[in-house]
């Protein structure tokens, strides 16, 4: 049993360090908003929110950027930036860009862009992985109701504490 523990400890520490490396900004508050942004304040891993909404995934360019609710959004063109600026709420990810299912069960998790879904109330919902997608889809209205309650708790915990 001792030998097994010596073999498992390095693997567990490697897993923990990798998991931590993927989530450096969980709980980050910028300008009074809880948002899932990178070290530079960019949301959606730098992908163009307008392109995502229109069915493609294109990496944005820093020359076309807008700030909204504590996050910097990058766009592929001046036209996409103008679309966003005209109605940013239409492109804003739900729950600050965190995993919707994760929020519904009381924790913040990063997102994978391939999980993007607008089928529920035409909102921009992202998940962390396939397991989260499956969990969310088991009861979308119920999970969304739970996520709204938990999101309010996160706001209290992170935004209103200071």
N, C-alpha and C. Protein backbone atom coordinates (compact mmCIF):
# COMPACT_ATOMS: atom_id res chain seq x y z
N UNK A 1 0.81 -1.19 0.00
CA UNK A 1 0.00 0.00 0.00
C UNK A 1 0.87 1.27 0.00
N UNK A 2 1.97 1.24 0.80
CA UNK A 2 2.86 2.39 0.83
C UNK A 2 3.46 2.64 -0.55
N UNK A 3 3.84 1.58 -1.24
CA UNK A 3 4.43 1.73 -2.58
C UNK A 3 3.43 2.36 -3.55
N UNK A 4 2.18 1.97 -3.42
CA UNK A 4 1.14 2.54 -4.28
C UNK A 4 1.00 4.04 -4.03
N UNK A 5 1.05 4.46 -2.77
CA UNK A 5 0.95 5.88 -2.44
C UNK A 5 2.11 6.67 -3.03
N UNK A 6 3.33 6.10 -2.99
CA UNK A 6 4.48 6.79 -3.56
C UNK A 6 4.33 6.96 -5.07
N UNK A 7 3.67 6.02 -5.72
CA UNK A 7 3.43 6.13 -7.15
C UNK A 7 2.32 7.13 -7.46
N UNK A 8 1.32 7.19 -6.62
CA UNK A 8 0.18 8.07 -6.87
C UNK A 8 0.46 9.53 -6.55
N UNK A 9 1.25 9.81 -5.55
CA UNK A 9 1.49 11.20 -5.13
C UNK A 9 2.04 12.08 -6.25
N UNK A 10 3.06 11.65 -6.99
CA UNK A 10 3.53 12.50 -8.09
C UNK A 10 2.46 12.73 -9.15
N UNK A 11 1.68 11.72 -9.45
CA UNK A 11 0.61 11.88 -10.45
C UNK A 11 -0.45 12.85 -9.96
N UNK A 12 -0.81 12.75 -8.69
CA UNK A 12 -1.82 13.67 -8.14
C UNK A 12 -1.31 15.10 -8.11
N UNK A 13 -0.06 15.30 -7.76
CA UNK A 13 0.46 16.66 -7.72
C UNK A 13 0.56 17.25 -9.13
N UNK A 14 0.90 16.41 -10.12
CA UNK A 14 0.93 16.87 -11.50
C UNK A 14 -0.47 17.28 -11.95
N UNK A 15 -1.47 16.45 -11.62
CA UNK A 15 -2.86 16.77 -11.96
C UNK A 15 -3.28 18.08 -11.31
N UNK A 16 -2.96 18.26 -10.05
CA UNK A 16 -3.36 19.47 -9.33
C UNK A 16 -2.70 20.70 -9.94
N UNK A 17 -1.43 20.59 -10.31
CA UNK A 17 -0.77 21.76 -10.89
C UNK A 17 -1.33 22.08 -12.27
N UNK A 18 -1.67 21.07 -13.06
CA UNK A 18 -2.27 21.32 -14.37
C UNK A 18 -3.65 21.93 -14.23
N UNK A 19 -4.45 21.42 -13.31
CA UNK A 19 -5.79 21.96 -13.11
C UNK A 19 -5.72 23.41 -12.67
N UNK A 20 -4.80 23.71 -11.78
CA UNK A 20 -4.65 25.08 -11.30
C UNK A 20 -4.19 26.00 -12.40
N UNK A 21 -3.32 25.50 -13.28
CA UNK A 21 -2.80 26.33 -14.36
C UNK A 21 -3.90 26.73 -15.33
N UNK A 22 -4.95 25.94 -15.44
CA UNK A 22 -6.03 26.25 -16.37
C UNK A 22 -7.01 27.27 -15.80
N UNK A 23 -6.93 27.57 -14.51
CA UNK A 23 -7.94 28.39 -13.87
C UNK A 23 -7.34 29.55 -13.07
N UNK A 24 -6.45 30.35 -13.67
CA UNK A 24 -5.76 31.36 -12.87
C UNK A 24 -6.63 32.52 -12.43
N UNK A 25 -7.71 32.82 -13.11
CA UNK A 25 -8.48 34.03 -12.80
C UNK A 25 -9.89 33.75 -12.32
N UNK A 26 -10.16 32.57 -11.82
CA UNK A 26 -11.51 32.29 -11.34
C UNK A 26 -11.80 33.20 -10.16
N UNK A 27 -12.92 33.88 -10.24
CA UNK A 27 -13.29 34.80 -9.17
C UNK A 27 -12.71 36.19 -9.36
N UNK A 28 -12.28 36.52 -10.56
CA UNK A 28 -11.68 37.83 -10.81
C UNK A 28 -12.78 38.89 -10.98
N UNK A 29 -12.61 39.99 -10.26
CA UNK A 29 -13.53 41.12 -10.36
C UNK A 29 -12.80 42.27 -11.05
N UNK A 30 -13.42 42.78 -12.11
CA UNK A 30 -12.86 43.90 -12.86
C UNK A 30 -13.95 44.96 -12.96
N UNK A 31 -13.63 46.15 -12.51
CA UNK A 31 -14.57 47.28 -12.57
C UNK A 31 -15.93 46.93 -11.97
N UNK A 32 -15.93 46.12 -10.92
CA UNK A 32 -17.17 45.77 -10.24
C UNK A 32 -17.94 44.62 -10.86
N UNK A 33 -17.33 43.89 -11.80
CA UNK A 33 -17.99 42.76 -12.45
C UNK A 33 -17.16 41.50 -12.25
N UNK A 34 -17.83 40.41 -11.94
CA UNK A 34 -17.20 39.10 -11.84
C UNK A 34 -17.14 38.52 -13.24
N UNK A 35 -15.94 38.38 -13.79
CA UNK A 35 -15.79 37.96 -15.18
C UNK A 35 -14.66 36.95 -15.35
N UNK A 36 -14.85 36.05 -16.28
CA UNK A 36 -13.86 35.03 -16.62
C UNK A 36 -12.97 35.58 -17.73
N UNK A 37 -11.94 36.29 -17.32
CA UNK A 37 -11.02 36.92 -18.28
C UNK A 37 -9.60 36.41 -18.04
N UNK A 38 -8.77 36.60 -19.05
CA UNK A 38 -7.37 36.20 -18.91
C UNK A 38 -6.58 37.30 -18.19
N UNK A 39 -5.27 37.15 -18.12
CA UNK A 39 -4.41 38.10 -17.41
C UNK A 39 -4.48 39.51 -17.99
N UNK A 40 -4.81 39.63 -19.27
CA UNK A 40 -4.92 40.93 -19.91
C UNK A 40 -6.34 41.50 -19.84
N UNK A 41 -7.26 40.75 -19.25
CA UNK A 41 -8.64 41.21 -19.14
C UNK A 41 -9.52 40.83 -20.31
N UNK A 42 -9.03 39.93 -21.17
CA UNK A 42 -9.76 39.53 -22.38
C UNK A 42 -10.65 38.34 -22.08
N UNK A 43 -11.89 38.44 -22.51
CA UNK A 43 -12.88 37.38 -22.31
C UNK A 43 -12.97 36.48 -23.55
N UNK A 44 -13.58 35.34 -23.39
CA UNK A 44 -13.81 34.38 -24.48
C UNK A 44 -12.53 33.95 -25.17
N UNK A 45 -11.44 33.92 -24.41
CA UNK A 45 -10.15 33.48 -24.91
C UNK A 45 -9.72 34.25 -26.16
N UNK A 46 -10.24 35.48 -26.27
CA UNK A 46 -9.88 36.34 -27.40
C UNK A 46 -10.67 36.10 -28.66
N UNK A 47 -11.65 35.21 -28.60
CA UNK A 47 -12.47 34.96 -29.79
C UNK A 47 -13.55 36.02 -29.93
N UNK A 48 -13.92 36.28 -31.15
CA UNK A 48 -14.88 37.31 -31.50
C UNK A 48 -16.30 36.87 -31.11
N UNK A 49 -16.91 37.59 -30.18
CA UNK A 49 -18.26 37.25 -29.68
C UNK A 49 -19.30 37.34 -30.79
N UNK A 50 -19.13 38.26 -31.72
CA UNK A 50 -20.08 38.40 -32.82
C UNK A 50 -19.95 37.20 -33.76
N UNK A 51 -18.74 36.80 -34.09
CA UNK A 51 -18.53 35.63 -34.94
C UNK A 51 -19.11 34.38 -34.28
N UNK A 52 -18.87 34.22 -32.98
CA UNK A 52 -19.43 33.07 -32.27
C UNK A 52 -20.95 33.06 -32.39
N UNK A 53 -21.55 34.20 -32.17
CA UNK A 53 -23.01 34.32 -32.23
C UNK A 53 -23.54 34.00 -33.63
N UNK A 54 -22.75 34.32 -34.63
CA UNK A 54 -23.17 34.09 -36.02
C UNK A 54 -22.77 32.72 -36.55
N UNK A 55 -22.26 31.85 -35.66
CA UNK A 55 -22.02 30.47 -36.04
C UNK A 55 -20.62 30.09 -36.44
N UNK A 56 -19.67 30.98 -36.29
CA UNK A 56 -18.29 30.61 -36.59
C UNK A 56 -17.41 30.94 -35.39
N UNK A 57 -16.24 30.40 -35.39
CA UNK A 57 -15.33 30.73 -34.30
C UNK A 57 -14.08 31.35 -34.91
N UNK A 58 -13.95 32.63 -34.71
CA UNK A 58 -12.80 33.35 -35.25
C UNK A 58 -12.12 34.11 -34.12
N UNK A 59 -10.83 34.00 -34.07
CA UNK A 59 -10.05 34.72 -33.08
C UNK A 59 -10.08 36.20 -33.43
N UNK A 60 -10.33 37.02 -32.42
CA UNK A 60 -10.37 38.46 -32.63
C UNK A 60 -8.97 39.05 -32.70
N UNK A 61 -8.93 40.33 -33.03
CA UNK A 61 -7.69 41.07 -33.16
C UNK A 61 -7.73 42.23 -32.18
N UNK A 62 -6.65 42.44 -31.45
CA UNK A 62 -6.60 43.50 -30.43
C UNK A 62 -6.85 44.89 -31.02
N UNK A 63 -6.64 45.07 -32.32
CA UNK A 63 -6.89 46.39 -32.91
C UNK A 63 -8.39 46.73 -32.95
N UNK A 64 -9.23 45.69 -32.89
CA UNK A 64 -10.68 45.88 -32.85
C UNK A 64 -11.17 45.37 -31.50
N UNK A 65 -11.27 46.25 -30.53
CA UNK A 65 -11.67 45.81 -29.20
C UNK A 65 -12.63 46.79 -28.55
N UNK A 66 -13.44 46.23 -27.65
CA UNK A 66 -14.38 47.03 -26.86
C UNK A 66 -14.39 46.50 -25.44
N UNK A 67 -14.63 47.39 -24.51
CA UNK A 67 -14.78 46.98 -23.13
C UNK A 67 -16.26 46.97 -22.76
N UNK A 68 -16.65 45.96 -21.98
CA UNK A 68 -18.04 45.86 -21.54
C UNK A 68 -18.09 45.06 -20.25
N UNK A 69 -18.69 45.63 -19.24
CA UNK A 69 -18.87 44.97 -17.94
C UNK A 69 -17.60 44.28 -17.45
N UNK A 70 -16.50 45.02 -17.44
CA UNK A 70 -15.26 44.53 -16.88
C UNK A 70 -14.42 43.66 -17.78
N UNK A 71 -14.86 43.38 -18.98
CA UNK A 71 -14.12 42.49 -19.89
C UNK A 71 -13.77 43.22 -21.18
N UNK A 72 -12.66 42.82 -21.76
CA UNK A 72 -12.25 43.31 -23.07
C UNK A 72 -12.63 42.24 -24.09
N UNK A 73 -13.33 42.67 -25.12
CA UNK A 73 -13.74 41.79 -26.21
C UNK A 73 -12.92 42.14 -27.44
N UNK A 74 -12.42 41.11 -28.13
CA UNK A 74 -11.71 41.29 -29.39
C UNK A 74 -12.63 40.88 -30.54
N UNK A 75 -12.45 41.57 -31.68
CA UNK A 75 -13.27 41.31 -32.87
C UNK A 75 -12.39 41.13 -34.09
N UNK A 76 -12.93 40.48 -35.09
CA UNK A 76 -12.19 40.24 -36.32
C UNK A 76 -12.20 41.43 -37.26
N UNK A 77 -13.14 42.35 -37.04
CA UNK A 77 -13.27 43.48 -37.96
C UNK A 77 -13.94 44.66 -37.26
N UNK A 78 -13.83 45.82 -37.89
CA UNK A 78 -14.50 47.02 -37.39
C UNK A 78 -16.02 46.83 -37.45
N UNK A 79 -16.49 46.09 -38.45
CA UNK A 79 -17.93 45.84 -38.59
C UNK A 79 -18.46 45.02 -37.41
N UNK A 80 -17.72 43.98 -37.00
CA UNK A 80 -18.16 43.18 -35.86
C UNK A 80 -18.10 43.99 -34.57
N UNK A 81 -17.08 44.81 -34.44
CA UNK A 81 -16.98 45.68 -33.27
C UNK A 81 -18.19 46.62 -33.21
N UNK A 82 -18.58 47.16 -34.34
CA UNK A 82 -19.73 48.07 -34.40
C UNK A 82 -21.02 47.33 -34.03
N UNK A 83 -21.18 46.10 -34.49
CA UNK A 83 -22.36 45.30 -34.12
C UNK A 83 -22.41 45.11 -32.61
N UNK A 84 -21.28 44.75 -32.04
CA UNK A 84 -21.21 44.55 -30.60
C UNK A 84 -21.52 45.84 -29.85
N UNK A 85 -20.88 46.92 -30.26
CA UNK A 85 -21.06 48.20 -29.57
C UNK A 85 -22.51 48.68 -29.62
N UNK A 86 -23.23 48.32 -30.68
CA UNK A 86 -24.64 48.72 -30.81
C UNK A 86 -25.55 47.98 -29.83
N UNK A 87 -25.15 46.76 -29.43
CA UNK A 87 -25.98 45.95 -28.53
C UNK A 87 -25.13 44.90 -27.81
N UNK A 88 -24.25 45.31 -26.92
CA UNK A 88 -23.33 44.36 -26.29
C UNK A 88 -24.02 43.24 -25.50
N UNK A 89 -25.17 43.51 -24.93
CA UNK A 89 -25.88 42.49 -24.15
C UNK A 89 -26.26 41.29 -25.01
N UNK A 90 -26.43 41.49 -26.31
CA UNK A 90 -26.80 40.39 -27.20
C UNK A 90 -25.64 39.40 -27.39
N UNK A 91 -24.43 39.83 -27.10
CA UNK A 91 -23.25 39.00 -27.33
C UNK A 91 -22.55 38.59 -26.03
N UNK A 92 -22.92 39.19 -24.95
CA UNK A 92 -22.30 38.93 -23.65
C UNK A 92 -22.57 37.49 -23.19
N UNK A 93 -21.54 36.77 -22.75
CA UNK A 93 -21.77 35.42 -22.23
C UNK A 93 -22.48 35.48 -20.88
N UNK A 94 -23.38 34.54 -20.66
CA UNK A 94 -24.07 34.45 -19.38
C UNK A 94 -23.08 34.13 -18.27
N UNK A 95 -23.44 34.52 -17.08
CA UNK A 95 -22.69 34.20 -15.87
C UNK A 95 -21.22 34.60 -15.96
N UNK A 96 -21.00 35.81 -16.53
CA UNK A 96 -19.66 36.36 -16.58
C UNK A 96 -18.67 35.59 -17.43
N UNK A 97 -19.18 34.69 -18.26
CA UNK A 97 -18.31 33.87 -19.09
C UNK A 97 -17.81 32.62 -18.38
N UNK A 98 -18.44 32.27 -17.27
CA UNK A 98 -18.11 31.02 -16.57
C UNK A 98 -19.06 29.92 -17.02
N UNK A 99 -18.70 28.69 -16.71
CA UNK A 99 -19.51 27.52 -17.04
C UNK A 99 -20.87 27.62 -16.35
N UNK A 100 -21.92 27.61 -17.14
CA UNK A 100 -23.28 27.76 -16.59
C UNK A 100 -23.64 26.60 -15.66
N UNK A 101 -23.29 25.39 -16.05
CA UNK A 101 -23.61 24.25 -15.18
C UNK A 101 -22.80 24.32 -13.89
N UNK A 102 -21.54 24.69 -14.00
CA UNK A 102 -20.72 24.86 -12.81
C UNK A 102 -21.33 25.86 -11.85
N UNK A 103 -21.79 26.99 -12.38
CA UNK A 103 -22.45 27.99 -11.54
C UNK A 103 -23.68 27.39 -10.88
N UNK A 104 -24.45 26.60 -11.63
CA UNK A 104 -25.68 26.02 -11.09
C UNK A 104 -25.44 25.08 -9.92
N UNK A 105 -24.25 24.49 -9.87
CA UNK A 105 -23.93 23.57 -8.77
C UNK A 105 -22.98 24.21 -7.76
N UNK A 106 -22.80 25.53 -7.87
CA UNK A 106 -22.09 26.27 -6.83
C UNK A 106 -20.59 26.41 -6.98
N UNK A 107 -20.06 26.30 -8.20
CA UNK A 107 -18.64 26.60 -8.34
C UNK A 107 -18.35 27.27 -9.69
N UNK A 108 -17.28 28.02 -9.71
CA UNK A 108 -16.85 28.69 -10.93
C UNK A 108 -15.90 27.78 -11.69
N UNK A 109 -16.12 27.67 -12.98
CA UNK A 109 -15.26 26.85 -13.83
C UNK A 109 -15.05 27.58 -15.15
N UNK A 110 -13.88 27.39 -15.76
CA UNK A 110 -13.64 27.98 -17.07
C UNK A 110 -14.52 27.32 -18.13
N UNK A 111 -14.49 27.86 -19.32
CA UNK A 111 -15.34 27.35 -20.39
C UNK A 111 -14.51 26.83 -21.56
N UNK A 112 -15.15 26.00 -22.35
CA UNK A 112 -14.63 25.59 -23.65
C UNK A 112 -15.55 26.22 -24.70
N UNK A 113 -14.98 26.86 -25.68
CA UNK A 113 -15.81 27.58 -26.67
C UNK A 113 -16.70 26.65 -27.48
N UNK A 114 -16.29 25.41 -27.70
CA UNK A 114 -17.10 24.49 -28.50
C UNK A 114 -18.43 24.17 -27.83
N UNK A 115 -18.59 24.48 -26.55
CA UNK A 115 -19.84 24.19 -25.84
C UNK A 115 -20.89 25.29 -26.03
N UNK A 116 -20.57 26.32 -26.78
CA UNK A 116 -21.44 27.49 -26.94
C UNK A 116 -22.84 27.08 -27.42
N UNK A 117 -23.85 27.66 -26.76
CA UNK A 117 -25.23 27.31 -27.07
C UNK A 117 -26.13 28.52 -26.87
N UNK A 118 -26.99 28.79 -27.83
CA UNK A 118 -27.96 29.89 -27.71
C UNK A 118 -29.40 29.39 -27.74
N UNK A 119 -29.59 28.09 -27.64
CA UNK A 119 -30.93 27.54 -27.80
C UNK A 119 -31.86 27.82 -26.62
N UNK A 120 -31.33 28.12 -25.45
CA UNK A 120 -32.18 28.41 -24.31
C UNK A 120 -32.37 29.91 -24.17
N UNK A 121 -33.55 30.37 -24.44
CA UNK A 121 -33.93 31.78 -24.32
C UNK A 121 -33.01 32.71 -25.10
N UNK A 122 -32.40 32.18 -26.16
CA UNK A 122 -31.54 32.97 -27.04
C UNK A 122 -30.37 33.62 -26.28
N UNK A 123 -29.92 32.97 -25.21
CA UNK A 123 -28.84 33.50 -24.39
C UNK A 123 -27.53 32.81 -24.73
N UNK A 124 -26.42 33.46 -24.44
CA UNK A 124 -25.08 32.96 -24.76
C UNK A 124 -24.56 32.14 -23.59
N UNK A 125 -24.72 30.84 -23.69
CA UNK A 125 -24.38 29.94 -22.59
C UNK A 125 -23.20 29.05 -22.99
N UNK A 126 -22.24 28.97 -22.08
CA UNK A 126 -21.04 28.15 -22.29
C UNK A 126 -20.92 27.16 -21.14
N UNK A 127 -20.22 26.07 -21.41
CA UNK A 127 -19.98 25.04 -20.39
C UNK A 127 -18.48 24.74 -20.33
N UNK A 128 -18.10 23.98 -19.33
CA UNK A 128 -16.70 23.63 -19.10
C UNK A 128 -16.24 22.44 -19.95
N UNK A 129 -17.10 21.44 -20.09
CA UNK A 129 -16.72 20.22 -20.81
C UNK A 129 -17.99 19.43 -21.15
N UNK A 130 -17.83 18.26 -21.73
CA UNK A 130 -18.99 17.46 -22.12
C UNK A 130 -19.83 17.04 -20.92
N UNK A 131 -19.19 16.74 -19.82
CA UNK A 131 -19.93 16.37 -18.61
C UNK A 131 -20.85 17.52 -18.17
N UNK A 132 -20.35 18.73 -18.24
CA UNK A 132 -21.16 19.90 -17.88
C UNK A 132 -22.30 20.10 -18.89
N UNK A 133 -22.00 19.92 -20.17
CA UNK A 133 -23.05 20.03 -21.20
C UNK A 133 -24.17 19.04 -20.89
N UNK A 134 -23.79 17.79 -20.61
CA UNK A 134 -24.78 16.75 -20.32
C UNK A 134 -25.58 17.08 -19.07
N UNK A 135 -24.91 17.53 -18.02
CA UNK A 135 -25.60 17.89 -16.78
C UNK A 135 -26.57 19.03 -16.99
N UNK A 136 -26.16 20.03 -17.73
CA UNK A 136 -27.01 21.20 -18.02
C UNK A 136 -28.26 20.77 -18.78
N UNK A 137 -28.07 19.92 -19.78
CA UNK A 137 -29.17 19.52 -20.65
C UNK A 137 -30.19 18.62 -19.96
N UNK A 138 -29.84 18.02 -18.84
CA UNK A 138 -30.80 17.16 -18.12
C UNK A 138 -32.00 17.94 -17.64
N UNK A 139 -31.81 19.24 -17.32
CA UNK A 139 -32.91 20.08 -16.84
C UNK A 139 -32.51 21.53 -17.04
N UNK A 140 -32.56 22.01 -18.27
CA UNK A 140 -32.09 23.35 -18.59
C UNK A 140 -32.82 24.43 -17.77
N UNK A 141 -34.15 24.46 -17.75
CA UNK A 141 -34.81 25.52 -16.96
C UNK A 141 -34.47 25.41 -15.47
N UNK A 142 -34.46 24.21 -14.93
CA UNK A 142 -34.13 24.03 -13.52
C UNK A 142 -32.69 24.41 -13.21
N UNK A 143 -31.77 24.01 -14.08
CA UNK A 143 -30.36 24.36 -13.88
C UNK A 143 -30.15 25.86 -14.01
N UNK A 144 -30.86 26.49 -14.93
CA UNK A 144 -30.73 27.93 -15.08
C UNK A 144 -31.26 28.65 -13.85
N UNK A 145 -32.36 28.18 -13.30
CA UNK A 145 -32.90 28.80 -12.08
C UNK A 145 -31.90 28.66 -10.93
N UNK A 146 -31.28 27.48 -10.81
CA UNK A 146 -30.26 27.27 -9.77
C UNK A 146 -29.05 28.18 -10.03
N UNK A 147 -28.66 28.28 -11.30
CA UNK A 147 -27.50 29.11 -11.65
C UNK A 147 -27.75 30.57 -11.29
N UNK A 148 -28.94 31.05 -11.52
CA UNK A 148 -29.26 32.45 -11.18
C UNK A 148 -29.13 32.68 -9.67
N UNK A 149 -29.61 31.73 -8.88
CA UNK A 149 -29.48 31.84 -7.42
C UNK A 149 -28.02 31.79 -6.99
N UNK A 150 -27.27 30.85 -7.54
CA UNK A 150 -25.86 30.72 -7.19
C UNK A 150 -25.05 31.92 -7.68
N UNK A 151 -25.40 32.45 -8.85
CA UNK A 151 -24.69 33.61 -9.39
C UNK A 151 -24.85 34.80 -8.43
N UNK A 152 -26.02 34.96 -7.88
CA UNK A 152 -26.24 36.03 -6.90
C UNK A 152 -25.32 35.83 -5.68
N UNK A 153 -25.13 34.59 -5.26
CA UNK A 153 -24.23 34.30 -4.13
C UNK A 153 -22.78 34.63 -4.51
N UNK A 154 -22.38 34.29 -5.74
CA UNK A 154 -21.03 34.62 -6.18
C UNK A 154 -20.84 36.14 -6.22
N UNK A 155 -21.86 36.87 -6.67
CA UNK A 155 -21.78 38.32 -6.68
C UNK A 155 -21.54 38.85 -5.27
N UNK A 156 -22.28 38.28 -4.33
CA UNK A 156 -22.13 38.68 -2.94
C UNK A 156 -20.72 38.34 -2.42
N UNK A 157 -20.27 37.15 -2.75
CA UNK A 157 -18.96 36.69 -2.27
C UNK A 157 -17.81 37.48 -2.85
N UNK A 158 -17.82 37.71 -4.16
CA UNK A 158 -16.67 38.33 -4.82
C UNK A 158 -16.80 39.83 -5.02
N UNK A 159 -17.95 40.28 -5.47
CA UNK A 159 -18.09 41.69 -5.87
C UNK A 159 -18.41 42.57 -4.67
N UNK A 160 -19.31 42.15 -3.84
CA UNK A 160 -19.80 43.03 -2.78
C UNK A 160 -19.02 42.93 -1.48
N UNK A 161 -17.97 42.10 -1.46
CA UNK A 161 -17.23 41.93 -0.21
C UNK A 161 -16.32 43.12 0.08
N UNK A 162 -15.98 43.88 -0.93
CA UNK A 162 -15.01 44.96 -0.71
C UNK A 162 -15.58 46.27 -0.75
